Amino acid sequence: MRPFIYGKRNLIHIIDLKETVRGLLRAYRYMAKVASRGSLVLFVGTKRQAKEAIEREAARCGMPYVSERWLGGCLTNYRTIRDRLKRLHELEGFWLPAGDKAASVDMTAYMKTMHNESGKLELSKAPENAAIRGYSKKMVATLNRELSKITRNLQGIREMNRLPDAMVVVDPKREDIAVKEAKRMGVTTVALIDTDSDPDCVDLPIPGNDDSIRSIELILAKLADSVLEGKASLPPETPTPAGRGGRSAVNPKALAAAVS
C-alpha cells in the first residue's frame, strides 16, 4: 500500500486522495464498460458498516449482492448454488395459492406479506388452499427454518442466472475467500481497500477507508452510477431499468471527508 499512502501522523497512515480519485475513475470507466455489454456485476460486503450500502446500491442498479455471509463455492461451485436457489423457489411455492406459479408473482414482496410483526413466517397468513397448510405443525416449522436460512444467505443472488464479469468488494482482506474465487474464475475484482490490505490481490484497487460508513457509501454510490450509465448505453431492445444514472463528477472534498 506504500504508493497509496500520503504520510503518517500519530501512527495512523493517511491515504493519498489523488490515488483514491485515480482508482475510482479507473474503476468507474471499467464498470460502465462491463455494464454496457449487459454483463453482471456482483457487489460483496458482509461487514456491518457495508451491509446496508451494499444492499441499497446493488438494488438501485439492478445487480446481485452478498451482504450476509459469503458461501464457499459461490463462484467456483455455482451449480450447487443454483440447486439451492431452486430449493428456495420450491419452498416459497408452498405459500402460493393452489394453481398460481412463482414466475407470475413478485415472490420477494409476496413473502414479506407472510411475515408477522416479529419477522417470522405466519401460517395463518397463507391462503386457505396453499400447499403449506397441508403439512403438520412440526413439518411447517422445519420448512420455515430451511426457508429462512436459504433466504438470508441467498436473497441477494436469487436472480443471478450466470457468473458475473466483475465483482465489487468492500474490504478484500475480510472477503478473502470471495476474492480468491473471483481470481480463479477470471472475474475482475474492484475493491475499496484500506492500508491493512494487499492491493496486489485485486485487479482495480480504490484506496480508502473501508471502515467508515460515509466512505463506503460514497464509493459504492459512484460505482452504482457507473453501472447505470453502462446500462443506459445498451441497445433499445435490451431490457433496462426505469431509472437512468448519469456520470457525476468526483468531488475531492467529499472524498477527503469520507476517507479521513
C-alpha atoms as a PDB file:
ATOM      1  CA  MET A   1       0.000   0.000   0.000  1.00  0.00           C
ATOM      2  CA  ARG A   2       3.054   2.300   0.077  1.00  0.00           C
ATOM      3  CA  PRO A   3       2.229   4.030  -3.287  1.00  0.00           C
ATOM      4  CA  PHE A   4      -1.249   4.919  -1.971  1.00  0.00           C
ATOM      5  CA  ILE A   5      -0.121   6.424   1.352  1.00  0.00           C
ATOM      6  CA  TYR A   6       0.410  10.172   1.627  1.00  0.00           C
ATOM      7  CA  GLY A   7       2.029  10.119   5.043  1.00  0.00           C
ATOM      8  CA  LYS A   8       1.735   9.045   8.658  1.00  0.00           C
ATOM      9  CA  ARG A   9       0.549  11.012  11.675  1.00  0.00           C
ATOM     10  CA  ASN A  10       0.297   9.678  15.234  1.00  0.00           C
ATOM     11  CA  LEU A  11       0.979   6.158  13.916  1.00  0.00           C
ATOM     12  CA  ILE A  12      -2.022   6.453  11.577  1.00  0.00           C
ATOM     13  CA  HIS A  13      -1.484   6.193   7.823  1.00  0.00           C
ATOM     14  CA  ILE A  14      -3.086   8.915   5.691  1.00  0.00           C
ATOM     15  CA  ILE A  15      -4.277   7.824   2.249  1.00  0.00           C
ATOM     16  CA  ASP A  16      -3.324   9.957  -0.753  1.00  0.00           C
ATOM     17  CA  LEU A  17      -6.621  11.323  -2.128  1.00  0.00           C
ATOM     18  CA  LYS A  18      -5.113  11.696  -5.591  1.00  0.00           C
ATOM     19  CA  GLU A  19      -4.664   7.934  -5.682  1.00  0.00           C
ATOM     20  CA  THR A  20      -8.216   7.468  -4.405  1.00  0.00           C
ATOM     21  CA  VAL A  21      -9.648   9.641  -7.195  1.00  0.00           C
ATOM     22  CA  ARG A  22      -7.426   7.960  -9.783  1.00  0.00           C
ATOM     23  CA  GLY A  23      -8.511   4.475  -8.668  1.00  0.00           C
ATOM     24  CA  LEU A  24     -12.178   5.470  -8.536  1.00  0.00           C
ATOM     25  CA  LEU A  25     -12.156   6.964 -12.033  1.00  0.00           C
ATOM     26  CA  ARG A  26     -10.391   3.900 -13.423  1.00  0.00           C
ATOM     27  CA  ALA A  27     -12.961   1.611 -11.767  1.00  0.00           C
ATOM     28  CA  TYR A  28     -15.812   3.883 -12.929  1.00  0.00           C
ATOM     29  CA  ARG A  29     -14.803   3.578 -16.581  1.00  0.00           C
ATOM     30  CA  TYR A  30     -14.330  -0.165 -16.342  1.00  0.00           C
ATOM     31  CA  MET A  31     -17.663  -0.779 -14.606  1.00  0.00           C
ATOM     32  CA  ALA A  32     -19.518   1.296 -17.188  1.00  0.00           C
ATOM     33  CA  LYS A  33     -17.866  -0.757 -19.931  1.00  0.00           C
ATOM     34  CA  VAL A  34     -18.850  -4.049 -18.281  1.00  0.00           C
ATOM     35  CA  ALA A  35     -22.469  -2.933 -17.786  1.00  0.00           C
ATOM     36  CA  SER A  36     -22.672  -1.682 -21.387  1.00  0.00           C
ATOM     37  CA  ARG A  37     -22.095  -5.291 -22.537  1.00  0.00           C
ATOM     38  CA  GLY A  38     -25.070  -6.487 -20.496  1.00  0.00           C
ATOM     39  CA  SER A  39     -22.805  -8.356 -18.044  1.00  0.00           C
ATOM     40  CA  LEU A  40     -23.444  -8.811 -14.342  1.00  0.00           C
ATOM     41  CA  VAL A  41     -21.603  -7.075 -11.507  1.00  0.00           C
ATOM     42  CA  LEU A  42     -21.678  -8.733  -8.086  1.00  0.00           C
ATOM     43  CA  PHE A  43     -21.492  -6.456  -5.011  1.00  0.00           C
ATOM     44  CA  VAL A  44     -19.901  -8.071  -1.942  1.00  0.00           C
ATOM     45  CA  GLY A  45     -19.648  -6.602   1.557  1.00  0.00           C
ATOM     46  CA  THR A  46     -20.528  -8.539   4.700  1.00  0.00           C
ATOM     47  CA  LYS A  47     -19.087  -6.248   7.378  1.00  0.00           C
ATOM     48  CA  ARG A  48     -21.593  -4.354   9.493  1.00  0.00           C
ATOM     49  CA  GLN A  49     -20.651  -0.932   8.093  1.00  0.00           C
ATOM     50  CA  ALA A  50     -21.156  -2.058   4.483  1.00  0.00           C
ATOM     51  CA  LYS A  51     -24.300  -4.219   4.588  1.00  0.00           C
ATOM     52  CA  GLU A  52     -26.919  -1.514   4.190  1.00  0.00           C
ATOM     53  CA  ALA A  53     -24.999   0.379   1.490  1.00  0.00           C
ATOM     54  CA  ILE A  54     -24.295  -2.812  -0.470  1.00  0.00           C
ATOM     55  CA  GLU A  55     -27.964  -3.808  -0.499  1.00  0.00           C
ATOM     56  CA  ARG A  56     -29.195  -0.311  -1.376  1.00  0.00           C
ATOM     57  CA  GLU A  57     -26.753   0.443  -4.193  1.00  0.00           C
ATOM     58  CA  ALA A  58     -26.931  -3.041  -5.727  1.00  0.00           C
ATOM     59  CA  ALA A  59     -30.740  -2.827  -5.778  1.00  0.00           C
ATOM     60  CA  ARG A  60     -30.568   0.671  -7.286  1.00  0.00           C
ATOM     61  CA  CYS A  61     -28.526  -0.516 -10.248  1.00  0.00           C
ATOM     62  CA  GLY A  62     -30.275  -3.891 -10.521  1.00  0.00           C
ATOM     63  CA  MET A  63     -27.277  -6.089  -9.707  1.00  0.00           C
ATOM     64  CA  PRO A  64     -26.835  -9.106  -7.376  1.00  0.00           C
ATOM     65  CA  TYR A  65     -25.190  -8.745  -3.986  1.00  0.00           C
ATOM     66  CA  VAL A  66     -23.904 -10.671  -0.976  1.00  0.00           C
ATOM     67  CA  SER A  67     -24.288  -8.858   2.337  1.00  0.00           C
ATOM     68  CA  GLU A  68     -24.750 -11.616   4.925  1.00  0.00           C
ATOM     69  CA  ARG A  69     -22.140 -14.336   4.531  1.00  0.00           C
ATOM     70  CA  TRP A  70     -20.054 -15.430   1.589  1.00  0.00           C
ATOM     71  CA  LEU A  71     -20.856 -19.075   0.924  1.00  0.00           C
ATOM     72  CA  GLY A  72     -17.764 -21.019  -0.096  1.00  0.00           C
ATOM     73  CA  GLY A  73     -18.088 -22.072  -3.737  1.00  0.00           C
ATOM     74  CA  CYS A  74     -20.490 -19.270  -4.619  1.00  0.00           C
ATOM     75  CA  LEU A  75     -18.495 -18.787  -7.838  1.00  0.00           C
ATOM     76  CA  THR A  76     -16.361 -21.910  -8.155  1.00  0.00           C
ATOM     77  CA  ASN A  77     -19.260 -24.284  -7.400  1.00  0.00           C
ATOM     78  CA  TYR A  78     -22.063 -22.255  -8.913  1.00  0.00           C
ATOM     79  CA  ARG A  79     -24.066 -25.335  -9.943  1.00  0.00           C
ATOM     80  CA  THR A  80     -24.649 -26.225  -6.284  1.00  0.00           C
ATOM     81  CA  ILE A  81     -25.705 -22.645  -5.538  1.00  0.00           C
ATOM     82  CA  ARG A  82     -28.223 -22.851  -8.387  1.00  0.00           C
ATOM     83  CA  ASP A  83     -29.628 -26.032  -6.819  1.00  0.00           C
ATOM     84  CA  ARG A  84     -30.093 -24.193  -3.515  1.00  0.00           C
ATOM     85  CA  LEU A  85     -31.866 -21.365  -5.342  1.00  0.00           C
ATOM     86  CA  LYS A  86     -34.207 -23.899  -6.933  1.00  0.00           C
ATOM     87  CA  ARG A  87     -34.952 -25.207  -3.454  1.00  0.00           C
ATOM     88  CA  LEU A  88     -35.665 -21.630  -2.338  1.00  0.00           C
ATOM     89  CA  HIS A  89     -38.218 -21.217  -5.131  1.00  0.00           C
ATOM     90  CA  GLU A  90     -39.737 -24.599  -4.238  1.00  0.00           C
ATOM     91  CA  LEU A  91     -40.162 -23.664  -0.567  1.00  0.00           C
ATOM     92  CA  GLU A  92     -41.668 -20.287  -1.435  1.00  0.00           C
ATOM     93  CA  GLY A  93     -44.083 -22.012  -3.826  1.00  0.00           C
ATOM     94  CA  PHE A  94     -45.673 -23.810  -0.851  1.00  0.00           C
ATOM     95  CA  TRP A  95     -47.070 -20.432   0.279  1.00  0.00           C
ATOM     96  CA  LEU A  96     -48.748 -19.615  -3.014  1.00  0.00           C
ATOM     97  CA  PRO A  97     -52.440 -20.297  -3.676  1.00  0.00           C
ATOM     98  CA  ALA A  98     -53.062 -23.574  -5.491  1.00  0.00           C
ATOM     99  CA  GLY A  99     -52.620 -23.135  -9.236  1.00  0.00           C
ATOM    100  CA  ASP A 100     -50.503 -19.982  -9.040  1.00  0.00           C
ATOM    101  CA  LYS A 101     -46.969 -20.028 -10.419  1.00  0.00           C
ATOM    102  CA  ALA A 102     -43.993 -18.288  -8.842  1.00  0.00           C
ATOM    103  CA  ALA A 103     -42.944 -16.880 -12.231  1.00  0.00           C
ATOM    104  CA  SER A 104     -46.042 -14.680 -12.346  1.00  0.00           C
ATOM    105  CA  VAL A 105     -45.589 -13.288  -8.811  1.00  0.00           C
ATOM    106  CA  ASP A 106     -43.030 -10.980  -7.216  1.00  0.00           C
ATOM    107  CA  MET A 107     -42.012 -13.563  -4.623  1.00  0.00           C
ATOM    108  CA  THR A 108     -39.836 -11.199  -2.593  1.00  0.00           C
ATOM    109  CA  ALA A 109     -42.719  -8.807  -1.990  1.00  0.00           C
ATOM    110  CA  TYR A 110     -45.242 -11.638  -1.619  1.00  0.00           C
ATOM    111  CA  MET A 111     -43.218 -13.453   1.059  1.00  0.00           C
ATOM    112  CA  LYS A 112     -42.921 -10.237   3.069  1.00  0.00           C
ATOM    113  CA  THR A 113     -46.712 -10.278   3.431  1.00  0.00           C
ATOM    114  CA  MET A 114     -46.452 -13.740   5.001  1.00  0.00           C
ATOM    115  CA  HIS A 115     -44.357 -12.489   7.932  1.00  0.00           C
ATOM    116  CA  ASN A 116     -45.703 -11.333  11.267  1.00  0.00           C
ATOM    117  CA  GLU A 117     -44.540  -8.305  13.264  1.00  0.00           C
ATOM    118  CA  SER A 118     -41.573 -10.208  14.685  1.00  0.00           C
ATOM    119  CA  GLY A 119     -40.342 -11.112  11.200  1.00  0.00           C
ATOM    120  CA  LYS A 120     -41.303 -14.787  11.318  1.00  0.00           C
ATOM    121  CA  LEU A 121     -43.446 -16.632   8.777  1.00  0.00           C
ATOM    122  CA  GLU A 122     -47.060 -16.839   9.964  1.00  0.00           C
ATOM    123  CA  LEU A 123     -49.045 -19.860   8.776  1.00  0.00           C
ATOM    124  CA  SER A 124     -52.369 -18.094   9.360  1.00  0.00           C
ATOM    125  CA  LYS A 125     -51.451 -15.554   6.649  1.00  0.00           C
ATOM    126  CA  ALA A 126     -51.084 -18.227   3.972  1.00  0.00           C
ATOM    127  CA  PRO A 127     -54.027 -18.680   1.524  1.00  0.00           C
ATOM    128  CA  GLU A 128     -56.541 -21.352   2.529  1.00  0.00           C
ATOM    129  CA  ASN A 129     -55.598 -23.563  -0.436  1.00  0.00           C
ATOM    130  CA  ALA A 130     -51.815 -23.079  -0.116  1.00  0.00           C
ATOM    131  CA  ALA A 131     -49.759 -26.278  -0.056  1.00  0.00           C
ATOM    132  CA  ILE A 132     -48.073 -25.296   3.203  1.00  0.00           C
ATOM    133  CA  ARG A 133     -51.377 -25.738   5.076  1.00  0.00           C
ATOM    134  CA  GLY A 134     -51.340 -29.436   4.237  1.00  0.00           C
ATOM    135  CA  TYR A 135     -48.289 -30.126   6.399  1.00  0.00           C
ATOM    136  CA  SER A 136     -48.152 -30.854  10.109  1.00  0.00           C
ATOM    137  CA  LYS A 137     -47.148 -28.129  12.539  1.00  0.00           C
ATOM    138  CA  LYS A 138     -43.752 -29.737  13.098  1.00  0.00           C
ATOM    139  CA  MET A 139     -43.082 -30.034   9.361  1.00  0.00           C
ATOM    140  CA  VAL A 140     -44.113 -26.415   8.786  1.00  0.00           C
ATOM    141  CA  ALA A 141     -41.605 -25.295  11.419  1.00  0.00           C
ATOM    142  CA  THR A 142     -38.857 -27.351   9.747  1.00  0.00           C
ATOM    143  CA  LEU A 143     -39.646 -25.947   6.289  1.00  0.00           C
ATOM    144  CA  ASN A 144     -39.769 -22.404   7.665  1.00  0.00           C
ATOM    145  CA  ARG A 145     -36.338 -22.754   9.263  1.00  0.00           C
ATOM    146  CA  GLU A 146     -34.895 -24.038   5.989  1.00  0.00           C
ATOM    147  CA  LEU A 147     -36.567 -21.239   4.022  1.00  0.00           C
ATOM    148  CA  SER A 148     -35.329 -18.555   6.417  1.00  0.00           C
ATOM    149  CA  LYS A 149     -31.758 -19.835   6.277  1.00  0.00           C
ATOM    150  CA  ILE A 150     -31.631 -20.035   2.467  1.00  0.00           C
ATOM    151  CA  THR A 151     -33.307 -16.630   2.109  1.00  0.00           C
ATOM    152  CA  ARG A 152     -30.843 -14.997   4.499  1.00  0.00           C
ATOM    153  CA  ASN A 153     -27.811 -16.305   2.613  1.00  0.00           C
ATOM    154  CA  LEU A 154     -29.017 -16.241  -0.998  1.00  0.00           C
ATOM    155  CA  GLN A 155     -31.585 -13.444  -1.188  1.00  0.00           C
ATOM    156  CA  GLY A 156     -29.176 -11.089  -2.957  1.00  0.00           C
ATOM    157  CA  ILE A 157     -28.190 -13.540  -5.699  1.00  0.00           C
ATOM    158  CA  ARG A 158     -31.539 -15.184  -6.340  1.00  0.00           C
ATOM    159  CA  GLU A 159     -31.749 -13.501  -9.776  1.00  0.00           C
ATOM    160  CA  MET A 160     -28.097 -14.154 -10.690  1.00  0.00           C
ATOM    161  CA  ASN A 161     -28.595 -16.638 -13.536  1.00  0.00           C
ATOM    162  CA  ARG A 162     -24.953 -16.654 -14.655  1.00  0.00           C
ATOM    163  CA  LEU A 163     -21.499 -15.853 -13.340  1.00  0.00           C
ATOM    164  CA  PRO A 164     -20.656 -12.145 -13.088  1.00  0.00           C
ATOM    165  CA  ASP A 165     -17.928 -10.490 -15.154  1.00  0.00           C
ATOM    166  CA  ALA A 166     -16.905  -8.137 -12.341  1.00  0.00           C
ATOM    167  CA  MET A 167     -17.145  -8.060  -8.554  1.00  0.00           C
ATOM    168  CA  VAL A 168     -17.147  -5.033  -6.258  1.00  0.00           C
ATOM    169  CA  VAL A 169     -15.663  -5.834  -2.846  1.00  0.00           C
ATOM    170  CA  VAL A 170     -15.575  -3.810   0.364  1.00  0.00           C
ATOM    171  CA  ASP A 171     -12.532  -4.860   2.417  1.00  0.00           C
ATOM    172  CA  PRO A 172     -10.870  -7.649   0.376  1.00  0.00           C
ATOM    173  CA  LYS A 173      -8.933  -8.717   3.475  1.00  0.00           C
ATOM    174  CA  ARG A 174     -12.186  -9.742   5.133  1.00  0.00           C
ATOM    175  CA  GLU A 175     -13.659 -11.152   1.909  1.00  0.00           C
ATOM    176  CA  ASP A 176     -10.510 -13.090   1.005  1.00  0.00           C
ATOM    177  CA  ILE A 177     -12.406 -16.239   0.001  1.00  0.00           C
ATOM    178  CA  ALA A 178     -14.587 -14.272  -2.416  1.00  0.00           C
ATOM    179  CA  VAL A 179     -11.513 -12.593  -3.927  1.00  0.00           C
ATOM    180  CA  LYS A 180      -9.733 -15.936  -4.373  1.00  0.00           C
ATOM    181  CA  GLU A 181     -12.776 -17.479  -6.053  1.00  0.00           C
ATOM    182  CA  ALA A 182     -13.117 -14.485  -8.366  1.00  0.00           C
ATOM    183  CA  LYS A 183      -9.456 -14.745  -9.350  1.00  0.00           C
ATOM    184  CA  ARG A 184      -9.818 -18.460 -10.028  1.00  0.00           C
ATOM    185  CA  MET A 185     -12.893 -17.923 -12.212  1.00  0.00           C
ATOM    186  CA  GLY A 186     -11.434 -14.956 -14.089  1.00  0.00           C
ATOM    187  CA  VAL A 187     -13.811 -12.404 -12.555  1.00  0.00           C
ATOM    188  CA  THR A 188     -12.358  -8.889 -12.338  1.00  0.00           C
ATOM    189  CA  THR A 189     -12.317  -7.502  -8.791  1.00  0.00           C
ATOM    190  CA  VAL A 190     -12.879  -3.844  -7.945  1.00  0.00           C
ATOM    191  CA  ALA A 191     -12.193  -3.215  -4.270  1.00  0.00           C
ATOM    192  CA  LEU A 192     -12.316  -0.457  -1.678  1.00  0.00           C
ATOM    193  CA  ILE A 193      -9.061  -1.236   0.057  1.00  0.00           C
ATOM    194  CA  ASP A 194      -7.570   0.134   3.285  1.00  0.00           C
ATOM    195  CA  THR A 195      -3.948   0.377   4.385  1.00  0.00           C
ATOM    196  CA  ASP A 196      -4.081  -3.021   6.124  1.00  0.00           C
ATOM    197  CA  SER A 197      -4.757  -4.919   2.877  1.00  0.00           C
ATOM    198  CA  ASP A 198      -2.671  -6.060  -0.084  1.00  0.00           C
ATOM    199  CA  PRO A 199      -3.650  -4.219  -3.309  1.00  0.00           C
ATOM    200  CA  ASP A 200      -1.967  -6.899  -5.440  1.00  0.00           C
ATOM    201  CA  CYS A 201      -4.760  -9.372  -4.661  1.00  0.00           C
ATOM    202  CA  VAL A 202      -7.354  -7.303  -6.560  1.00  0.00           C
ATOM    203  CA  ASP A 203      -7.431  -6.014 -10.137  1.00  0.00           C
ATOM    204  CA  LEU A 204      -8.678  -2.464  -9.585  1.00  0.00           C
ATOM    205  CA  PRO A 205      -7.946  -1.164  -6.071  1.00  0.00           C
ATOM    206  CA  ILE A 206      -9.600   2.010  -4.766  1.00  0.00           C
ATOM    207  CA  PRO A 207      -7.590   3.136  -1.728  1.00  0.00           C
ATOM    208  CA  GLY A 208      -9.854   4.459   1.011  1.00  0.00           C
ATOM    209  CA  ASN A 209     -11.256   3.911   4.472  1.00  0.00           C
ATOM    210  CA  ASP A 210     -13.221   0.657   4.374  1.00  0.00           C
ATOM    211  CA  ASP A 211     -14.379   1.063   7.996  1.00  0.00           C
ATOM    212  CA  SER A 212     -16.160   4.395   7.515  1.00  0.00           C
ATOM    213  CA  ILE A 213     -19.828   4.239   6.535  1.00  0.00           C
ATOM    214  CA  ARG A 214     -19.561   7.572   4.712  1.00  0.00           C
ATOM    215  CA  SER A 215     -16.570   6.385   2.699  1.00  0.00           C
ATOM    216  CA  ILE A 216     -18.245   3.104   1.762  1.00  0.00           C
ATOM    217  CA  GLU A 217     -21.488   4.828   0.758  1.00  0.00           C
ATOM    218  CA  LEU A 218     -19.669   7.378  -1.395  1.00  0.00           C
ATOM    219  CA  ILE A 219     -17.576   4.834  -3.313  1.00  0.00           C
ATOM    220  CA  LEU A 220     -20.458   2.390  -3.802  1.00  0.00           C
ATOM    221  CA  ALA A 221     -22.774   5.182  -4.992  1.00  0.00           C
ATOM    222  CA  LYS A 222     -20.267   6.192  -7.688  1.00  0.00           C
ATOM    223  CA  LEU A 223     -19.785   2.597  -8.811  1.00  0.00           C
ATOM    224  CA  ALA A 224     -23.558   2.058  -8.947  1.00  0.00           C
ATOM    225  CA  ASP A 225     -23.821   5.225 -11.055  1.00  0.00           C
ATOM    226  CA  SER A 226     -21.272   3.769 -13.464  1.00  0.00           C
ATOM    227  CA  VAL A 227     -23.338   0.585 -13.825  1.00  0.00           C
ATOM    228  CA  LEU A 228     -26.454   2.628 -14.545  1.00  0.00           C
ATOM    229  CA  GLU A 229     -24.543   4.668 -17.103  1.00  0.00           C
ATOM    230  CA  GLY A 230     -23.365   1.500 -18.815  1.00  0.00           C
ATOM    231  CA  LYS A 231     -26.881   0.060 -18.836  1.00  0.00           C
ATOM    232  CA  ALA A 232     -28.227   3.277 -20.361  1.00  0.00           C
ATOM    233  CA  SER A 233     -25.988   2.734 -23.396  1.00  0.00           C
ATOM    234  CA  LEU A 234     -27.438  -0.728 -24.128  1.00  0.00           C
ATOM    235  CA  PRO A 235     -29.435  -1.112 -27.386  1.00  0.00           C
ATOM    236  CA  PRO A 236     -33.175  -0.302 -27.087  1.00  0.00           C
ATOM    237  CA  GLU A 237     -34.224  -3.938 -27.462  1.00  0.00           C
ATOM    238  CA  THR A 238     -32.235  -4.920 -24.360  1.00  0.00           C
ATOM    239  CA  PRO A 239     -34.288  -4.531 -21.135  1.00  0.00           C
ATOM    240  CA  THR A 240     -33.012  -1.693 -18.974  1.00  0.00           C
ATOM    241  CA  PRO A 241     -34.213  -0.413 -15.607  1.00  0.00           C
ATOM    242  CA  ALA A 242     -36.588   2.532 -15.480  1.00  0.00           C
ATOM    243  CA  GLY A 243     -34.070   4.658 -13.654  1.00  0.00           C
ATOM    244  CA  ARG A 244     -31.139   6.056 -15.583  1.00  0.00           C
ATOM    245  CA  GLY A 245     -27.938   7.065 -13.929  1.00  0.00           C
ATOM    246  CA  GLY A 246     -25.503   9.503 -15.438  1.00  0.00           C
ATOM    247  CA  ARG A 247     -21.868  10.149 -14.683  1.00  0.00           C
ATOM    248  CA  SER A 248     -21.358  12.611 -11.899  1.00  0.00           C
ATOM    249  CA  ALA A 249     -18.087  14.330 -11.183  1.00  0.00           C
ATOM    250  CA  VAL A 250     -15.993  13.045  -8.319  1.00  0.00           C
ATOM    251  CA  ASN A 251     -15.779  15.653  -5.578  1.00  0.00           C
ATOM    252  CA  PRO A 252     -12.302  15.537  -3.963  1.00  0.00           C
ATOM    253  CA  LYS A 253     -13.576  17.437  -0.897  1.00  0.00           C
ATOM    254  CA  ALA A 254     -16.295  14.847  -0.344  1.00  0.00           C
ATOM    255  CA  LEU A 255     -13.699  12.101  -0.729  1.00  0.00           C
ATOM    256  CA  ALA A 256     -11.435  13.845   1.764  1.00  0.00           C
ATOM    257  CA  ALA A 257     -14.220  13.912   4.340  1.00  0.00           C
ATOM    258  CA  ALA A 258     -15.135  10.300   3.677  1.00  0.00           C
ATOM    259  CA  VAL A 259     -11.728   8.666   3.775  1.00  0.00           C
ATOM    260  CA  SER A 260     -10.264  10.743   6.585  1.00  0.00           C
END
